[in-house]
Amino acid sequence: MKKHLHSGQALVEMALVLPILIVFLIGIVDCARAFHGWSSINHMCVEAGRVASQRLNLKVAPKLYGVGTHVGPTLVIAEFWKYLSPMIHRQDITGPALTGVGTSADTVTISCSYRFTSWTPGISVLFGSGPERSIIFHGSATQRKE
């Protein structure tokens, strides 16, 4: 007889714990997605900055910086998008913003922003901003020209 008194207990406990467990697991996946997005945009900026800082001809005027000594903005932007992760949508990235590319400045800075939308309920409400309640990550890289 006692067996029938506790027959639904496991089902009730599972019904109470399962939603919390699912939200917790989705939160872990969201943290990994957020870190991947932040890491990816920083990598994109570093690679574009690397290309923008390399001198086209090392023997010509080592202290002179300008349009003819380094690559132009078109090639830097192409290099930036070359490293876009397949897990990130291009429309979620704002930029890249180029500073010092094609000028006489001795450094280049590449920066961008990534709009991350969380899958975990409540995270975007707590940490998000704007009408979509998305989280914005910023990436940038500054490199000295050769």
N, C-alpha and C. Protein backbone atom coordinates (compact mmCIF):
# COMPACT_ATOMS: atom_id res chain seq x y z
N MET A 1 0.80 -1.20 0.00
CA MET A 1 0.00 0.00 0.00
C MET A 1 0.84 1.26 0.00
N LYS A 2 1.99 1.26 0.67
CA LYS A 2 2.80 2.46 0.75
C LYS A 2 3.39 2.82 -0.62
N LYS A 3 3.56 1.83 -1.45
CA LYS A 3 4.11 2.08 -2.77
C LYS A 3 3.23 3.04 -3.56
N HIS A 4 1.95 2.98 -3.42
CA HIS A 4 1.02 3.82 -4.15
C HIS A 4 0.96 5.24 -3.60
N LEU A 5 1.36 5.45 -2.35
CA LEU A 5 1.33 6.80 -1.77
C LEU A 5 2.41 7.70 -2.36
N HIS A 6 3.54 7.19 -2.78
CA HIS A 6 4.64 7.99 -3.29
C HIS A 6 4.85 7.82 -4.79
N SER A 7 3.91 7.27 -5.49
CA SER A 7 4.11 6.95 -6.91
C SER A 7 4.21 8.20 -7.79
N GLY A 8 3.64 9.33 -7.43
CA GLY A 8 3.70 10.55 -8.25
C GLY A 8 4.73 11.55 -7.77
N GLN A 9 5.45 11.23 -6.71
CA GLN A 9 6.41 12.17 -6.13
C GLN A 9 7.55 12.50 -7.10
N ALA A 10 8.10 11.52 -7.76
CA ALA A 10 9.20 11.75 -8.69
C ALA A 10 8.75 12.62 -9.87
N LEU A 11 7.54 12.41 -10.32
CA LEU A 11 7.02 13.19 -11.43
C LEU A 11 6.85 14.66 -11.04
N VAL A 12 6.36 14.91 -9.84
CA VAL A 12 6.19 16.28 -9.36
C VAL A 12 7.54 16.96 -9.16
N GLU A 13 8.51 16.24 -8.59
CA GLU A 13 9.84 16.81 -8.40
C GLU A 13 10.49 17.13 -9.74
N MET A 14 10.33 16.25 -10.71
CA MET A 14 10.89 16.50 -12.03
C MET A 14 10.21 17.70 -12.69
N ALA A 15 8.93 17.84 -12.53
CA ALA A 15 8.21 18.98 -13.10
C ALA A 15 8.66 20.30 -12.46
N LEU A 16 9.10 20.27 -11.22
CA LEU A 16 9.58 21.48 -10.55
C LEU A 16 11.03 21.80 -10.92
N VAL A 17 11.86 20.79 -11.06
CA VAL A 17 13.29 21.00 -11.28
C VAL A 17 13.64 21.16 -12.76
N LEU A 18 12.94 20.50 -13.66
CA LEU A 18 13.29 20.50 -15.07
C LEU A 18 13.33 21.91 -15.70
N PRO A 19 12.34 22.79 -15.47
CA PRO A 19 12.44 24.13 -16.06
C PRO A 19 13.66 24.91 -15.58
N ILE A 20 14.00 24.77 -14.32
CA ILE A 20 15.18 25.47 -13.78
C ILE A 20 16.44 24.90 -14.42
N LEU A 21 16.50 23.60 -14.58
CA LEU A 21 17.66 22.96 -15.21
C LEU A 21 17.81 23.39 -16.66
N ILE A 22 16.71 23.47 -17.38
CA ILE A 22 16.75 23.88 -18.79
C ILE A 22 17.23 25.32 -18.91
N VAL A 23 16.72 26.23 -18.08
CA VAL A 23 17.16 27.63 -18.11
C VAL A 23 18.64 27.72 -17.76
N PHE A 24 19.09 26.93 -16.81
CA PHE A 24 20.50 26.92 -16.43
C PHE A 24 21.38 26.46 -17.59
N LEU A 25 20.98 25.40 -18.29
CA LEU A 25 21.75 24.89 -19.42
C LEU A 25 21.76 25.89 -20.59
N ILE A 26 20.62 26.53 -20.85
CA ILE A 26 20.58 27.55 -21.90
C ILE A 26 21.48 28.72 -21.51
N GLY A 27 21.54 29.05 -20.23
CA GLY A 27 22.43 30.12 -19.76
C GLY A 27 23.89 29.80 -19.99
N ILE A 28 24.27 28.56 -19.79
CA ILE A 28 25.66 28.14 -20.05
C ILE A 28 25.97 28.28 -21.54
N VAL A 29 25.07 27.85 -22.40
CA VAL A 29 25.27 27.98 -23.84
C VAL A 29 25.33 29.45 -24.23
N ASP A 30 24.50 30.29 -23.63
CA ASP A 30 24.51 31.72 -23.91
C ASP A 30 25.84 32.37 -23.51
N CYS A 31 26.38 31.98 -22.39
CA CYS A 31 27.68 32.52 -21.96
C CYS A 31 28.75 32.15 -22.98
N ALA A 32 28.72 30.93 -23.48
CA ALA A 32 29.69 30.50 -24.49
C ALA A 32 29.49 31.28 -25.79
N ARG A 33 28.24 31.50 -26.19
CA ARG A 33 27.96 32.28 -27.40
C ARG A 33 28.43 33.71 -27.25
N ALA A 34 28.21 34.30 -26.09
CA ALA A 34 28.63 35.69 -25.85
C ALA A 34 30.15 35.80 -25.90
N PHE A 35 30.84 34.89 -25.25
CA PHE A 35 32.29 34.92 -25.27
C PHE A 35 32.82 34.72 -26.68
N HIS A 36 32.22 33.81 -27.43
CA HIS A 36 32.64 33.57 -28.81
C HIS A 36 32.45 34.83 -29.66
N GLY A 37 31.32 35.51 -29.50
CA GLY A 37 31.07 36.73 -30.26
C GLY A 37 32.07 37.81 -29.94
N TRP A 38 32.32 38.02 -28.65
CA TRP A 38 33.29 39.04 -28.22
C TRP A 38 34.69 38.70 -28.74
N SER A 39 35.08 37.44 -28.60
CA SER A 39 36.39 37.00 -29.06
C SER A 39 36.52 37.13 -30.58
N SER A 40 35.48 36.81 -31.29
CA SER A 40 35.51 36.86 -32.76
C SER A 40 35.67 38.29 -33.27
N ILE A 41 34.93 39.24 -32.70
CA ILE A 41 35.06 40.61 -33.20
C ILE A 41 36.43 41.20 -32.85
N ASN A 42 36.98 40.81 -31.71
CA ASN A 42 38.33 41.27 -31.39
C ASN A 42 39.35 40.67 -32.36
N HIS A 43 39.18 39.41 -32.71
CA HIS A 43 40.08 38.77 -33.67
C HIS A 43 39.97 39.44 -35.04
N MET A 44 38.75 39.78 -35.46
CA MET A 44 38.55 40.46 -36.73
C MET A 44 39.28 41.81 -36.73
N CYS A 45 39.20 42.54 -35.63
CA CYS A 45 39.87 43.84 -35.53
C CYS A 45 41.39 43.68 -35.54
N VAL A 46 41.90 42.68 -34.84
CA VAL A 46 43.35 42.46 -34.79
C VAL A 46 43.89 42.10 -36.18
N GLU A 47 43.21 41.23 -36.89
CA GLU A 47 43.69 40.84 -38.22
C GLU A 47 43.63 42.00 -39.20
N ALA A 48 42.58 42.80 -39.14
CA ALA A 48 42.49 43.97 -40.02
C ALA A 48 43.56 44.99 -39.65
N GLY A 49 43.81 45.16 -38.36
CA GLY A 49 44.86 46.08 -37.91
C GLY A 49 46.24 45.61 -38.32
N ARG A 50 46.44 44.31 -38.31
CA ARG A 50 47.73 43.75 -38.74
C ARG A 50 48.00 44.08 -40.21
N VAL A 51 46.99 43.92 -41.05
CA VAL A 51 47.15 44.23 -42.47
C VAL A 51 47.35 45.73 -42.67
N ALA A 52 46.61 46.54 -41.93
CA ALA A 52 46.72 48.00 -42.09
C ALA A 52 48.06 48.53 -41.61
N SER A 53 48.71 47.85 -40.69
CA SER A 53 49.97 48.35 -40.14
C SER A 53 51.20 47.89 -40.92
N GLN A 54 51.06 46.94 -41.80
CA GLN A 54 52.21 46.43 -42.55
C GLN A 54 52.58 47.37 -43.70
N ARG A 55 53.85 47.68 -43.77
CA ARG A 55 54.37 48.55 -44.83
C ARG A 55 54.45 47.76 -46.14
N LEU A 56 54.07 48.40 -47.24
CA LEU A 56 54.10 47.74 -48.54
C LEU A 56 55.53 47.51 -49.01
N ASN A 57 56.41 48.47 -48.78
CA ASN A 57 57.80 48.33 -49.19
C ASN A 57 58.68 48.80 -48.02
N LEU A 58 59.39 47.88 -47.41
CA LEU A 58 60.17 48.21 -46.21
C LEU A 58 61.38 49.09 -46.50
N LYS A 59 61.81 49.19 -47.74
CA LYS A 59 63.02 49.95 -48.07
C LYS A 59 62.75 51.43 -48.36
N VAL A 60 61.50 51.79 -48.59
CA VAL A 60 61.18 53.17 -48.97
C VAL A 60 60.72 53.96 -47.75
N ALA A 61 61.43 55.00 -47.42
CA ALA A 61 61.06 55.99 -46.40
C ALA A 61 60.48 55.35 -45.14
N PRO A 62 61.29 54.75 -44.29
CA PRO A 62 60.78 54.05 -43.12
C PRO A 62 60.03 54.93 -42.12
N LYS A 63 60.25 56.23 -42.11
CA LYS A 63 59.56 57.10 -41.17
C LYS A 63 58.37 57.83 -41.81
N LEU A 64 58.06 57.52 -43.06
CA LEU A 64 56.98 58.18 -43.77
C LEU A 64 55.76 57.25 -43.81
N TYR A 65 54.62 57.81 -43.47
CA TYR A 65 53.37 57.04 -43.49
C TYR A 65 52.37 57.77 -44.39
N GLY A 66 51.68 57.04 -45.22
CA GLY A 66 50.70 57.67 -46.10
C GLY A 66 49.98 56.66 -46.95
N VAL A 67 49.31 57.17 -47.98
CA VAL A 67 48.49 56.32 -48.85
C VAL A 67 49.36 55.31 -49.62
N GLY A 68 50.53 55.72 -50.07
CA GLY A 68 51.37 54.84 -50.87
C GLY A 68 52.22 53.88 -50.06
N THR A 69 52.34 54.11 -48.76
CA THR A 69 53.22 53.26 -47.96
C THR A 69 52.50 52.07 -47.33
N HIS A 70 51.19 52.19 -47.15
CA HIS A 70 50.40 51.13 -46.53
C HIS A 70 49.13 50.89 -47.35
N VAL A 71 48.46 49.77 -47.13
CA VAL A 71 47.24 49.46 -47.88
C VAL A 71 46.14 50.45 -47.51
N GLY A 72 45.18 50.56 -48.41
CA GLY A 72 44.07 51.48 -48.21
C GLY A 72 42.92 50.87 -47.43
N PRO A 73 41.90 51.67 -47.16
CA PRO A 73 40.75 51.22 -46.37
C PRO A 73 39.99 50.04 -46.99
N THR A 74 39.92 49.98 -48.31
CA THR A 74 39.18 48.90 -48.97
C THR A 74 39.76 47.53 -48.63
N LEU A 75 41.08 47.41 -48.69
CA LEU A 75 41.71 46.12 -48.37
C LEU A 75 41.63 45.80 -46.88
N VAL A 76 41.68 46.82 -46.03
CA VAL A 76 41.57 46.60 -44.59
C VAL A 76 40.17 46.10 -44.24
N ILE A 77 39.15 46.70 -44.84
CA ILE A 77 37.77 46.26 -44.58
C ILE A 77 37.55 44.84 -45.11
N ALA A 78 38.11 44.54 -46.28
CA ALA A 78 37.99 43.18 -46.83
C ALA A 78 38.65 42.17 -45.89
N GLU A 79 39.80 42.53 -45.33
CA GLU A 79 40.48 41.64 -44.38
C GLU A 79 39.66 41.47 -43.10
N PHE A 80 39.02 42.53 -42.67
CA PHE A 80 38.16 42.48 -41.48
C PHE A 80 37.05 41.45 -41.68
N TRP A 81 36.33 41.52 -42.78
CA TRP A 81 35.20 40.62 -43.02
C TRP A 81 35.64 39.20 -43.36
N LYS A 82 36.88 39.03 -43.75
CA LYS A 82 37.40 37.70 -44.07
C LYS A 82 37.36 36.77 -42.85
N TYR A 83 37.47 37.34 -41.67
CA TYR A 83 37.54 36.53 -40.45
C TYR A 83 36.20 36.46 -39.70
N LEU A 84 35.10 36.76 -40.37
CA LEU A 84 33.78 36.68 -39.75
C LEU A 84 33.45 35.23 -39.42
N SER A 85 33.05 34.99 -38.19
CA SER A 85 32.69 33.64 -37.76
C SER A 85 31.36 33.22 -38.39
N PRO A 86 31.22 31.96 -38.76
CA PRO A 86 29.93 31.51 -39.31
C PRO A 86 28.80 31.52 -38.28
N MET A 87 29.15 31.66 -37.01
CA MET A 87 28.11 31.69 -35.96
C MET A 87 27.58 33.09 -35.71
N ILE A 88 28.15 34.10 -36.38
CA ILE A 88 27.75 35.48 -36.17
C ILE A 88 27.14 36.02 -37.45
N HIS A 89 26.01 36.69 -37.32
CA HIS A 89 25.36 37.29 -38.48
C HIS A 89 26.01 38.64 -38.79
N ARG A 90 26.28 38.87 -40.04
CA ARG A 90 26.96 40.10 -40.46
C ARG A 90 26.16 41.34 -40.09
N GLN A 91 24.83 41.26 -40.14
CA GLN A 91 24.01 42.43 -39.83
C GLN A 91 24.04 42.80 -38.35
N ASP A 92 24.57 41.93 -37.50
CA ASP A 92 24.69 42.24 -36.08
C ASP A 92 25.97 43.01 -35.75
N ILE A 93 26.84 43.19 -36.74
CA ILE A 93 28.10 43.90 -36.51
C ILE A 93 28.00 45.30 -37.10
N THR A 94 28.35 46.29 -36.30
CA THR A 94 28.42 47.68 -36.76
C THR A 94 29.88 48.04 -36.92
N GLY A 95 30.24 48.46 -38.09
CA GLY A 95 31.63 48.81 -38.34
C GLY A 95 32.16 48.00 -39.49
N PRO A 96 33.41 48.01 -39.68
CA PRO A 96 34.48 48.50 -38.82
C PRO A 96 34.70 50.01 -38.99
N ALA A 97 35.15 50.64 -37.92
CA ALA A 97 35.57 52.03 -37.96
C ALA A 97 37.09 52.04 -38.02
N LEU A 98 37.61 52.73 -39.00
CA LEU A 98 39.06 52.76 -39.23
C LEU A 98 39.61 54.13 -38.84
N THR A 99 40.67 54.13 -38.04
CA THR A 99 41.35 55.36 -37.67
C THR A 99 42.82 55.22 -38.02
N GLY A 100 43.36 56.17 -38.75
CA GLY A 100 44.77 56.14 -39.11
C GLY A 100 45.10 55.37 -40.36
N VAL A 101 44.11 54.77 -41.00
CA VAL A 101 44.35 54.00 -42.23
C VAL A 101 44.38 54.98 -43.40
N GLY A 102 45.48 54.94 -44.16
CA GLY A 102 45.62 55.83 -45.31
C GLY A 102 45.98 57.26 -44.94
N THR A 103 46.44 57.48 -43.71
CA THR A 103 46.83 58.81 -43.26
C THR A 103 48.30 58.79 -42.85
N SER A 104 48.78 59.93 -42.39
CA SER A 104 50.17 60.02 -41.95
C SER A 104 50.33 59.66 -40.48
N ALA A 105 49.28 59.18 -39.83
CA ALA A 105 49.37 58.76 -38.42
C ALA A 105 50.28 57.55 -38.30
N ASP A 106 50.94 57.41 -37.15
CA ASP A 106 51.85 56.28 -36.99
C ASP A 106 51.18 55.05 -36.37
N THR A 107 49.89 55.14 -36.06
CA THR A 107 49.14 53.98 -35.56
C THR A 107 47.83 53.83 -36.33
N VAL A 108 47.30 52.63 -36.32
CA VAL A 108 45.98 52.37 -36.89
C VAL A 108 45.11 51.76 -35.80
N THR A 109 43.84 52.12 -35.81
CA THR A 109 42.87 51.56 -34.87
C THR A 109 41.67 51.06 -35.66
N ILE A 110 41.32 49.84 -35.43
CA ILE A 110 40.14 49.22 -36.04
C ILE A 110 39.18 48.89 -34.91
N SER A 111 37.93 49.33 -35.03
CA SER A 111 36.96 49.05 -33.97
C SER A 111 35.61 48.69 -34.58
N CYS A 112 34.82 47.96 -33.82
CA CYS A 112 33.48 47.58 -34.25
C CYS A 112 32.62 47.25 -33.03
N SER A 113 31.34 47.05 -33.26
CA SER A 113 30.40 46.67 -32.21
C SER A 113 29.61 45.45 -32.68
N TYR A 114 29.23 44.62 -31.73
CA TYR A 114 28.46 43.40 -32.03
C TYR A 114 27.22 43.38 -31.15
N ARG A 115 26.06 43.25 -31.77
CA ARG A 115 24.79 43.19 -31.04
C ARG A 115 24.46 41.72 -30.75
N PHE A 116 24.52 41.37 -29.47
CA PHE A 116 24.29 39.99 -29.04
C PHE A 116 22.88 39.88 -28.46
N THR A 117 22.12 38.94 -28.95
CA THR A 117 20.77 38.69 -28.43
C THR A 117 20.78 37.36 -27.69
N SER A 118 20.44 37.42 -26.42
CA SER A 118 20.51 36.24 -25.57
C SER A 118 19.31 35.32 -25.78
N TRP A 119 19.53 34.02 -25.61
CA TRP A 119 18.45 33.04 -25.65
C TRP A 119 17.85 32.82 -24.26
N THR A 120 18.61 33.14 -23.22
CA THR A 120 18.16 32.89 -21.86
C THR A 120 17.10 33.93 -21.46
N PRO A 121 15.96 33.47 -20.97
CA PRO A 121 14.92 34.42 -20.57
C PRO A 121 15.40 35.31 -19.42
N GLY A 122 15.18 36.60 -19.58
CA GLY A 122 15.49 37.55 -18.51
C GLY A 122 16.86 38.19 -18.59
N ILE A 123 17.81 37.58 -19.28
CA ILE A 123 19.17 38.14 -19.35
C ILE A 123 19.16 39.46 -20.12
N SER A 124 18.47 39.50 -21.25
CA SER A 124 18.43 40.73 -22.03
C SER A 124 17.70 41.84 -21.29
N VAL A 125 16.72 41.48 -20.48
CA VAL A 125 16.00 42.49 -19.70
C VAL A 125 16.92 43.09 -18.64
N LEU A 126 17.76 42.26 -18.03
CA LEU A 126 18.67 42.75 -16.99
C LEU A 126 19.85 43.53 -17.55
N PHE A 127 20.47 43.02 -18.62
CA PHE A 127 21.71 43.59 -19.12
C PHE A 127 21.60 44.29 -20.46
N GLY A 128 20.49 44.13 -21.17
CA GLY A 128 20.36 44.68 -22.51
C GLY A 128 19.99 46.15 -22.52
N SER A 129 20.10 46.74 -23.69
CA SER A 129 19.72 48.13 -23.86
C SER A 129 19.08 48.31 -25.23
N GLY A 130 18.44 49.43 -25.43
CA GLY A 130 17.79 49.72 -26.70
C GLY A 130 16.43 49.06 -26.80
N PRO A 131 15.74 49.30 -27.92
CA PRO A 131 14.39 48.74 -28.08
C PRO A 131 14.37 47.22 -28.17
N GLU A 132 15.44 46.62 -28.66
CA GLU A 132 15.50 45.16 -28.78
C GLU A 132 16.04 44.49 -27.54
N ARG A 133 16.49 45.28 -26.56
CA ARG A 133 17.06 44.76 -25.32
C ARG A 133 18.22 43.82 -25.60
N SER A 134 19.07 44.19 -26.54
CA SER A 134 20.23 43.36 -26.86
C SER A 134 21.45 43.89 -26.12
N ILE A 135 22.45 43.04 -26.01
CA ILE A 135 23.70 43.37 -25.33
C ILE A 135 24.72 43.74 -26.40
N ILE A 136 25.41 44.85 -26.21
CA ILE A 136 26.37 45.34 -27.19
C ILE A 136 27.79 45.07 -26.70
N PHE A 137 28.58 44.36 -27.53
CA PHE A 137 29.99 44.14 -27.25
C PHE A 137 30.81 45.01 -28.20
N HIS A 138 31.90 45.58 -27.68
CA HIS A 138 32.78 46.42 -28.49
C HIS A 138 34.13 45.74 -28.62
N GLY A 139 34.67 45.77 -29.82
CA GLY A 139 36.00 45.22 -30.06
C GLY A 139 36.86 46.25 -30.76
N SER A 140 38.13 46.27 -30.43
CA SER A 140 39.04 47.18 -31.13
C SER A 140 40.46 46.66 -31.02
N ALA A 141 41.29 47.15 -31.93
CA ALA A 141 42.71 46.82 -31.94
C ALA A 141 43.47 48.03 -32.46
N THR A 142 44.53 48.38 -31.74
CA THR A 142 45.41 49.48 -32.16
C THR A 142 46.79 48.90 -32.37
N GLN A 143 47.35 49.20 -33.54
CA GLN A 143 48.69 48.71 -33.86
C GLN A 143 49.53 49.83 -34.44
N ARG A 144 50.79 49.78 -34.14
CA ARG A 144 51.74 50.76 -34.66
C ARG A 144 52.15 50.35 -36.07
N LYS A 145 52.21 51.34 -36.96
CA LYS A 145 52.60 51.05 -38.34
C LYS A 145 54.08 50.70 -38.41
N GLU A 146 54.41 49.84 -39.37
CA GLU A 146 55.81 49.46 -39.60
C GLU A 146 56.54 50.57 -40.32
